[in-house]
Amino acid sequence: MFKGWKYNREAQVEHITLNVDGMKCGGCENGIKTALSACDGVAEVTASHKDKTVAVGFDPAKVSLEQIKQTIVAQGFQVS
């Protein structure tokens, strides 16, 4: 009946900006971006050591905010 028709459920992406202490350079930013990008459900990451922020776009059905925070802490930074 629906031959050739596919249902494509778009992932719901939420955006959050976290205050992150301890980033001092571009290398710190890259470490956080690499770690978060490896998490299933993370769609986009931007980090700024100057602003001390990390912005994350993520699918909450696949990754929780707590998992995102734990990933940043595991890299040696503090989320406030």
PDB file of N, CA and C in Angstrom:
ATOM      1  N   MET A   1       0.805  -1.190   0.000  1.00  0.00           N
ATOM      2  CA  MET A   1       0.000   0.000   0.000  1.00  0.00           C
ATOM      3  C   MET A   1       0.859   1.269   0.000  1.00  0.00           C
ATOM      4  N   PHE A   2       1.967   1.242   0.738  1.00  0.00           N
ATOM      5  CA  PHE A   2       2.856   2.399   0.803  1.00  0.00           C
ATOM      6  C   PHE A   2       4.201   2.077   0.179  1.00  0.00           C
ATOM      7  N   LYS A   3       4.191   1.372  -0.912  1.00  0.00           N
ATOM      8  CA  LYS A   3       5.426   0.958  -1.554  1.00  0.00           C
ATOM      9  C   LYS A   3       6.287   2.173  -1.909  1.00  0.00           C
ATOM     10  N   GLY A   4       7.561   2.087  -1.539  1.00  0.00           N
ATOM     11  CA  GLY A   4       8.488   3.166  -1.834  1.00  0.00           C
ATOM     12  C   GLY A   4       8.450   4.311  -0.835  1.00  0.00           C
ATOM     13  N   TRP A   5       7.545   4.232   0.114  1.00  0.00           N
ATOM     14  CA  TRP A   5       7.416   5.299   1.112  1.00  0.00           C
ATOM     15  C   TRP A   5       8.146   4.886   2.375  1.00  0.00           C
ATOM     16  N   LYS A   6       8.947   5.781   2.917  1.00  0.00           N
ATOM     17  CA  LYS A   6       9.683   5.485   4.145  1.00  0.00           C
ATOM     18  C   LYS A   6       9.352   6.535   5.189  1.00  0.00           C
ATOM     19  N   TYR A   7       9.190   6.065   6.394  1.00  0.00           N
ATOM     20  CA  TYR A   7       8.978   6.972   7.520  1.00  0.00           C
ATOM     21  C   TYR A   7      10.340   7.295   8.108  1.00  0.00           C
ATOM     22  N   ASN A   8      10.690   8.557   8.156  1.00  0.00           N
ATOM     23  CA  ASN A   8      11.983   8.979   8.685  1.00  0.00           C
ATOM     24  C   ASN A   8      11.739   9.884   9.881  1.00  0.00           C
ATOM     25  N   ARG A   9      11.832   9.320  11.068  1.00  0.00           N
ATOM     26  CA  ARG A   9      11.635  10.105  12.284  1.00  0.00           C
ATOM     27  C   ARG A   9      12.871  10.953  12.525  1.00  0.00           C
ATOM     28  N   GLU A  10      12.695  12.242  12.507  1.00  0.00           N
ATOM     29  CA  GLU A  10      13.802  13.154  12.778  1.00  0.00           C
ATOM     30  C   GLU A  10      14.121  13.104  14.267  1.00  0.00           C
ATOM     31  N   ALA A  11      15.383  13.081  14.573  1.00  0.00           N
ATOM     32  CA  ALA A  11      15.803  13.111  15.975  1.00  0.00           C
ATOM     33  C   ALA A  11      15.493  14.485  16.553  1.00  0.00           C
ATOM     34  N   GLN A  12      15.016  14.485  17.775  1.00  0.00           N
ATOM     35  CA  GLN A  12      14.753  15.748  18.465  1.00  0.00           C
ATOM     36  C   GLN A  12      16.066  16.218  19.074  1.00  0.00           C
ATOM     37  N   VAL A  13      16.533  17.372  18.657  1.00  0.00           N
ATOM     38  CA  VAL A  13      17.806  17.888  19.160  1.00  0.00           C
ATOM     39  C   VAL A  13      17.537  19.032  20.126  1.00  0.00           C
ATOM     40  N   GLU A  14      18.095  18.898  21.316  1.00  0.00           N
ATOM     41  CA  GLU A  14      18.035  19.964  22.310  1.00  0.00           C
ATOM     42  C   GLU A  14      19.399  20.626  22.367  1.00  0.00           C
ATOM     43  N   HIS A  15      19.418  21.884  22.746  1.00  0.00           N
ATOM     44  CA  HIS A  15      20.675  22.626  22.856  1.00  0.00           C
ATOM     45  C   HIS A  15      20.848  23.132  24.281  1.00  0.00           C
ATOM     46  N   ILE A  16      22.059  23.015  24.780  1.00  0.00           N
ATOM     47  CA  ILE A  16      22.391  23.485  26.123  1.00  0.00           C
ATOM     48  C   ILE A  16      23.763  24.138  26.078  1.00  0.00           C
ATOM     49  N   THR A  17      23.938  25.177  26.856  1.00  0.00           N
ATOM     50  CA  THR A  17      25.251  25.794  27.010  1.00  0.00           C
ATOM     51  C   THR A  17      25.663  25.644  28.464  1.00  0.00           C
ATOM     52  N   LEU A  18      26.818  25.032  28.671  1.00  0.00           N
ATOM     53  CA  LEU A  18      27.332  24.765  30.014  1.00  0.00           C
ATOM     54  C   LEU A  18      28.524  25.656  30.311  1.00  0.00           C
ATOM     55  N   ASN A  19      28.635  26.086  31.546  1.00  0.00           N
ATOM     56  CA  ASN A  19      29.825  26.805  32.004  1.00  0.00           C
ATOM     57  C   ASN A  19      30.855  25.764  32.411  1.00  0.00           C
ATOM     58  N   VAL A  20      32.043  25.850  31.833  1.00  0.00           N
ATOM     59  CA  VAL A  20      33.086  24.853  32.073  1.00  0.00           C
ATOM     60  C   VAL A  20      34.362  25.564  32.513  1.00  0.00           C
ATOM     61  N   ASP A  21      34.833  25.208  33.693  1.00  0.00           N
ATOM     62  CA  ASP A  21      36.069  25.780  34.230  1.00  0.00           C
ATOM     63  C   ASP A  21      37.251  24.874  33.921  1.00  0.00           C
ATOM     64  N   GLY A  22      38.396  25.497  33.671  1.00  0.00           N
ATOM     65  CA  GLY A  22      39.623  24.745  33.468  1.00  0.00           C
ATOM     66  C   GLY A  22      40.144  24.749  32.047  1.00  0.00           C
ATOM     67  N   MET A  23      39.329  25.192  31.088  1.00  0.00           N
ATOM     68  CA  MET A  23      39.814  25.267  29.709  1.00  0.00           C
ATOM     69  C   MET A  23      40.759  26.457  29.590  1.00  0.00           C
ATOM     70  N   LYS A  24      41.951  26.211  29.037  1.00  0.00           N
ATOM     71  CA  LYS A  24      42.942  27.275  28.937  1.00  0.00           C
ATOM     72  C   LYS A  24      43.383  27.571  27.503  1.00  0.00           C
ATOM     73  N   CYS A  25      43.061  26.665  26.570  1.00  0.00           N
ATOM     74  CA  CYS A  25      43.564  26.842  25.208  1.00  0.00           C
ATOM     75  C   CYS A  25      42.695  26.075  24.210  1.00  0.00           C
ATOM     76  N   GLY A  26      43.068  26.195  22.945  1.00  0.00           N
ATOM     77  CA  GLY A  26      42.371  25.473  21.890  1.00  0.00           C
ATOM     78  C   GLY A  26      42.474  23.966  22.032  1.00  0.00           C
ATOM     79  N   GLY A  27      43.575  23.498  22.609  1.00  0.00           N
ATOM     80  CA  GLY A  27      43.729  22.062  22.833  1.00  0.00           C
ATOM     81  C   GLY A  27      42.691  21.537  23.811  1.00  0.00           C
ATOM     82  N   CYS A  28      42.396  22.340  24.825  1.00  0.00           N
ATOM     83  CA  CYS A  28      41.352  21.973  25.789  1.00  0.00           C
ATOM     84  C   CYS A  28      40.000  21.889  25.080  1.00  0.00           C
ATOM     85  N   GLU A  29      39.725  22.885  24.245  1.00  0.00           N
ATOM     86  CA  GLU A  29      38.476  22.892  23.480  1.00  0.00           C
ATOM     87  C   GLU A  29      38.370  21.637  22.616  1.00  0.00           C
ATOM     88  N   ASN A  30      39.461  21.309  21.918  1.00  0.00           N
ATOM     89  CA  ASN A  30      39.453  20.141  21.030  1.00  0.00           C
ATOM     90  C   ASN A  30      39.261  18.845  21.793  1.00  0.00           C
ATOM     91  N   GLY A  31      39.859  18.742  22.978  1.00  0.00           N
ATOM     92  CA  GLY A  31      39.688  17.536  23.792  1.00  0.00           C
ATOM     93  C   GLY A  31      38.234  17.321  24.172  1.00  0.00           C
ATOM     94  N   ILE A  32      37.571  18.398  24.573  1.00  0.00           N
ATOM     95  CA  ILE A  32      36.156  18.303  24.935  1.00  0.00           C
ATOM     96  C   ILE A  32      35.315  17.976  23.706  1.00  0.00           C
ATOM     97  N   LYS A  33      35.583  18.647  22.593  1.00  0.00           N
ATOM     98  CA  LYS A  33      34.820  18.393  21.364  1.00  0.00           C
ATOM     99  C   LYS A  33      34.960  16.943  20.915  1.00  0.00           C
ATOM    100  N   THR A  34      36.184  16.430  20.959  1.00  0.00           N
ATOM    101  CA  THR A  34      36.429  15.050  20.532  1.00  0.00           C
ATOM    102  C   THR A  34      35.698  14.061  21.430  1.00  0.00           C
ATOM    103  N   ALA A  35      35.793  14.267  22.748  1.00  0.00           N
ATOM    104  CA  ALA A  35      35.148  13.353  23.698  1.00  0.00           C
ATOM    105  C   ALA A  35      33.631  13.375  23.544  1.00  0.00           C
ATOM    106  N   LEU A  36      33.051  14.555  23.433  1.00  0.00           N
ATOM    107  CA  LEU A  36      31.597  14.646  23.315  1.00  0.00           C
ATOM    108  C   LEU A  36      31.108  14.152  21.960  1.00  0.00           C
ATOM    109  N   SER A  37      31.857  14.410  20.909  1.00  0.00           N
ATOM    110  CA  SER A  37      31.454  13.963  19.576  1.00  0.00           C
ATOM    111  C   SER A  37      31.416  12.444  19.477  1.00  0.00           C
ATOM    112  N   ALA A  38      32.167  11.767  20.331  1.00  0.00           N
ATOM    113  CA  ALA A  38      32.185  10.305  20.336  1.00  0.00           C
ATOM    114  C   ALA A  38      30.958   9.717  21.036  1.00  0.00           C
ATOM    115  N   CYS A  39      30.197  10.537  21.728  1.00  0.00           N
ATOM    116  CA  CYS A  39      28.997  10.073  22.434  1.00  0.00           C
ATOM    117  C   CYS A  39      27.839   9.931  21.450  1.00  0.00           C
ATOM    118  N   ASP A  40      27.204   8.764  21.465  1.00  0.00           N
ATOM    119  CA  ASP A  40      26.039   8.546  20.625  1.00  0.00           C
ATOM    120  C   ASP A  40      24.941   9.516  21.050  1.00  0.00           C
ATOM    121  N   GLY A  41      24.411  10.259  20.109  1.00  0.00           N
ATOM    122  CA  GLY A  41      23.340  11.197  20.403  1.00  0.00           C
ATOM    123  C   GLY A  41      23.779  12.645  20.425  1.00  0.00           C
ATOM    124  N   VAL A  42      25.094  12.883  20.436  1.00  0.00           N
ATOM    125  CA  VAL A  42      25.589  14.261  20.385  1.00  0.00           C
ATOM    126  C   VAL A  42      25.684  14.671  18.920  1.00  0.00           C
ATOM    127  N   ALA A  43      24.969  15.736  18.565  1.00  0.00           N
ATOM    128  CA  ALA A  43      24.898  16.174  17.172  1.00  0.00           C
ATOM    129  C   ALA A  43      25.909  17.258  16.845  1.00  0.00           C
ATOM    130  N   GLU A  44      26.189  18.137  17.810  1.00  0.00           N
ATOM    131  CA  GLU A  44      27.125  19.232  17.560  1.00  0.00           C
ATOM    132  C   GLU A  44      27.713  19.722  18.873  1.00  0.00           C
ATOM    133  N   VAL A  45      28.946  20.206  18.784  1.00  0.00           N
ATOM    134  CA  VAL A  45      29.641  20.722  19.968  1.00  0.00           C
ATOM    135  C   VAL A  45      30.457  21.942  19.567  1.00  0.00           C
ATOM    136  N   THR A  46      30.357  22.992  20.354  1.00  0.00           N
ATOM    137  CA  THR A  46      31.272  24.122  20.231  1.00  0.00           C
ATOM    138  C   THR A  46      31.787  24.426  21.626  1.00  0.00           C
ATOM    139  N   ALA A  47      33.056  24.757  21.708  1.00  0.00           N
ATOM    140  CA  ALA A  47      33.671  25.063  22.996  1.00  0.00           C
ATOM    141  C   ALA A  47      34.486  26.342  22.866  1.00  0.00           C
ATOM    142  N   SER A  48      34.476  27.145  23.923  1.00  0.00           N
ATOM    143  CA  SER A  48      35.244  28.389  23.942  1.00  0.00           C
ATOM    144  C   SER A  48      35.966  28.519  25.275  1.00  0.00           C
ATOM    145  N   HIS A  49      37.305  28.450  25.225  1.00  0.00           N
ATOM    146  CA  HIS A  49      38.055  28.626  26.467  1.00  0.00           C
ATOM    147  C   HIS A  49      38.001  30.081  26.924  1.00  0.00           C
ATOM    148  N   LYS A  50      37.827  31.002  25.994  1.00  0.00           N
ATOM    149  CA  LYS A  50      37.733  32.427  26.347  1.00  0.00           C
ATOM    150  C   LYS A  50      36.449  32.722  27.123  1.00  0.00           C
ATOM    151  N   ASP A  51      35.336  32.147  26.653  1.00  0.00           N
ATOM    152  CA  ASP A  51      34.045  32.361  27.316  1.00  0.00           C
ATOM    153  C   ASP A  51      33.784  31.352  28.435  1.00  0.00           C
ATOM    154  N   LYS A  52      34.634  30.307  28.495  1.00  0.00           N
ATOM    155  CA  LYS A  52      34.474  29.218  29.465  1.00  0.00           C
ATOM    156  C   LYS A  52      33.116  28.527  29.311  1.00  0.00           C
ATOM    157  N   THR A  53      32.741  28.277  28.049  1.00  0.00           N
ATOM    158  CA  THR A  53      31.467  27.622  27.773  1.00  0.00           C
ATOM    159  C   THR A  53      31.622  26.481  26.774  1.00  0.00           C
ATOM    160  N   VAL A  54      30.707  25.531  26.880  1.00  0.00           N
ATOM    161  CA  VAL A  54      30.583  24.446  25.913  1.00  0.00           C
ATOM    162  C   VAL A  54      29.106  24.376  25.534  1.00  0.00           C
ATOM    163  N   ALA A  55      28.818  24.504  24.247  1.00  0.00           N
ATOM    164  CA  ALA A  55      27.450  24.400  23.740  1.00  0.00           C
ATOM    165  C   ALA A  55      27.302  23.045  23.054  1.00  0.00           C
ATOM    166  N   VAL A  56      26.221  22.344  23.397  1.00  0.00           N
ATOM    167  CA  VAL A  56      26.020  20.988  22.886  1.00  0.00           C
ATOM    168  C   VAL A  56      24.611  20.860  22.323  1.00  0.00           C
ATOM    169  N   GLY A  57      24.513  20.301  21.125  1.00  0.00           N
ATOM    170  CA  GLY A  57      23.240  19.898  20.548  1.00  0.00           C
ATOM    171  C   GLY A  57      23.167  18.387  20.668  1.00  0.00           C
ATOM    172  N   PHE A  58      22.097  17.881  21.280  1.00  0.00           N
ATOM    173  CA  PHE A  58      22.041  16.439  21.544  1.00  0.00           C
ATOM    174  C   PHE A  58      20.616  15.916  21.485  1.00  0.00           C
ATOM    175  N   ASP A  59      20.515  14.611  21.247  1.00  0.00           N
ATOM    176  CA  ASP A  59      19.235  13.911  21.235  1.00  0.00           C
ATOM    177  C   ASP A  59      19.040  13.305  22.622  1.00  0.00           C
ATOM    178  N   PRO A  60      18.114  13.833  23.430  1.00  0.00           N
ATOM    179  CA  PRO A  60      17.937  13.337  24.796  1.00  0.00           C
ATOM    180  C   PRO A  60      17.432  11.894  24.870  1.00  0.00           C
ATOM    181  N   ALA A  61      16.967  11.355  23.756  1.00  0.00           N
ATOM    182  CA  ALA A  61      16.557   9.951  23.735  1.00  0.00           C
ATOM    183  C   ALA A  61      17.772   9.025  23.694  1.00  0.00           C
ATOM    184  N   LYS A  62      18.936   9.581  23.327  1.00  0.00           N
ATOM    185  CA  LYS A  62      20.147   8.767  23.203  1.00  0.00           C
ATOM    186  C   LYS A  62      21.206   9.085  24.246  1.00  0.00           C
ATOM    187  N   VAL A  63      21.260  10.332  24.703  1.00  0.00           N
ATOM    188  CA  VAL A  63      22.286  10.725  25.669  1.00  0.00           C
ATOM    189  C   VAL A  63      21.670  11.738  26.634  1.00  0.00           C
ATOM    190  N   SER A  64      21.978  11.583  27.915  1.00  0.00           N
ATOM    191  CA  SER A  64      21.411  12.488  28.915  1.00  0.00           C
ATOM    192  C   SER A  64      22.344  13.664  29.182  1.00  0.00           C
ATOM    193  N   LEU A  65      21.782  14.706  29.749  1.00  0.00           N
ATOM    194  CA  LEU A  65      22.582  15.856  30.146  1.00  0.00           C
ATOM    195  C   LEU A  65      23.634  15.427  31.161  1.00  0.00           C
ATOM    196  N   GLU A  66      23.271  14.527  32.052  1.00  0.00           N
ATOM    197  CA  GLU A  66      24.229  14.044  33.059  1.00  0.00           C
ATOM    198  C   GLU A  66      25.399  13.320  32.395  1.00  0.00           C
ATOM    199  N   GLN A  67      25.143  12.535  31.358  1.00  0.00           N
ATOM    200  CA  GLN A  67      26.220  11.850  30.632  1.00  0.00           C
ATOM    201  C   GLN A  67      27.140  12.859  29.956  1.00  0.00           C
ATOM    202  N   ILE A  68      26.567  13.921  29.431  1.00  0.00           N
ATOM    203  CA  ILE A  68      27.367  14.971  28.792  1.00  0.00           C
ATOM    204  C   ILE A  68      28.274  15.622  29.828  1.00  0.00           C
ATOM    205  N   LYS A  69      27.706  15.963  30.972  1.00  0.00           N
ATOM    206  CA  LYS A  69      28.502  16.576  32.042  1.00  0.00           C
ATOM    207  C   LYS A  69      29.615  15.638  32.506  1.00  0.00           C
ATOM    208  N   GLN A  70      29.296  14.357  32.690  1.00  0.00           N
ATOM    209  CA  GLN A  70      30.293  13.381  33.135  1.00  0.00           C
ATOM    210  C   GLN A  70      31.420  13.237  32.121  1.00  0.00           C
ATOM    211  N   THR A  71      31.103  13.320  30.849  1.00  0.00           N
ATOM    212  CA  THR A  71      32.126  13.228  29.804  1.00  0.00           C
ATOM    213  C   THR A  71      33.088  14.403  29.892  1.00  0.00           C
ATOM    214  N   ILE A  72      32.567  15.589  30.152  1.00  0.00           N
ATOM    215  CA  ILE A  72      33.421  16.776  30.299  1.00  0.00           C
ATOM    216  C   ILE A  72      34.292  16.650  31.541  1.00  0.00           C
ATOM    217  N   VAL A  73      33.710  16.220  32.647  1.00  0.00           N
ATOM    218  CA  VAL A  73      34.463  16.043  33.899  1.00  0.00           C
ATOM    219  C   VAL A  73      35.561  14.995  33.717  1.00  0.00           C
ATOM    220  N   ALA A  74      35.270  13.935  32.969  1.00  0.00           N
ATOM    221  CA  ALA A  74      36.263  12.881  32.725  1.00  0.00           C
ATOM    222  C   ALA A  74      37.466  13.406  31.950  1.00  0.00           C
ATOM    223  N   GLN A  75      37.293  14.523  31.247  1.00  0.00           N
ATOM    224  CA  GLN A  75      38.401  15.146  30.519  1.00  0.00           C
ATOM    225  C   GLN A  75      39.227  16.064  31.418  1.00  0.00           C
ATOM    226  N   GLY A  76      38.818  16.196  32.681  1.00  0.00           N
ATOM    227  CA  GLY A  76      39.590  16.987  33.637  1.00  0.00           C
ATOM    228  C   GLY A  76      39.087  18.399  33.863  1.00  0.00           C
ATOM    229  N   PHE A  77      37.845  18.661  33.475  1.00  0.00           N
ATOM    230  CA  PHE A  77      37.277  20.001  33.624  1.00  0.00           C
ATOM    231  C   PHE A  77      36.122  19.974  34.612  1.00  0.00           C
ATOM    232  N   GLN A  78      35.731  21.144  35.066  1.00  0.00           N
ATOM    233  CA  GLN A  78      34.619  21.261  36.006  1.00  0.00           C
ATOM    234  C   GLN A  78      33.440  21.922  35.315  1.00  0.00           C
ATOM    235  N   VAL A  79      32.266  21.344  35.497  1.00  0.00           N
ATOM    236  CA  VAL A  79      31.038  21.917  34.959  1.00  0.00           C
ATOM    237  C   VAL A  79      30.320  22.611  36.106  1.00  0.00           C
ATOM    238  N   SER A  80      30.051  23.911  35.915  1.00  0.00           N
ATOM    239  CA  SER A  80      29.366  24.644  36.994  1.00  0.00           C
ATOM    240  C   SER A  80      27.989  25.102  36.560  1.00  0.00           C
TER     241      SER A  80
END
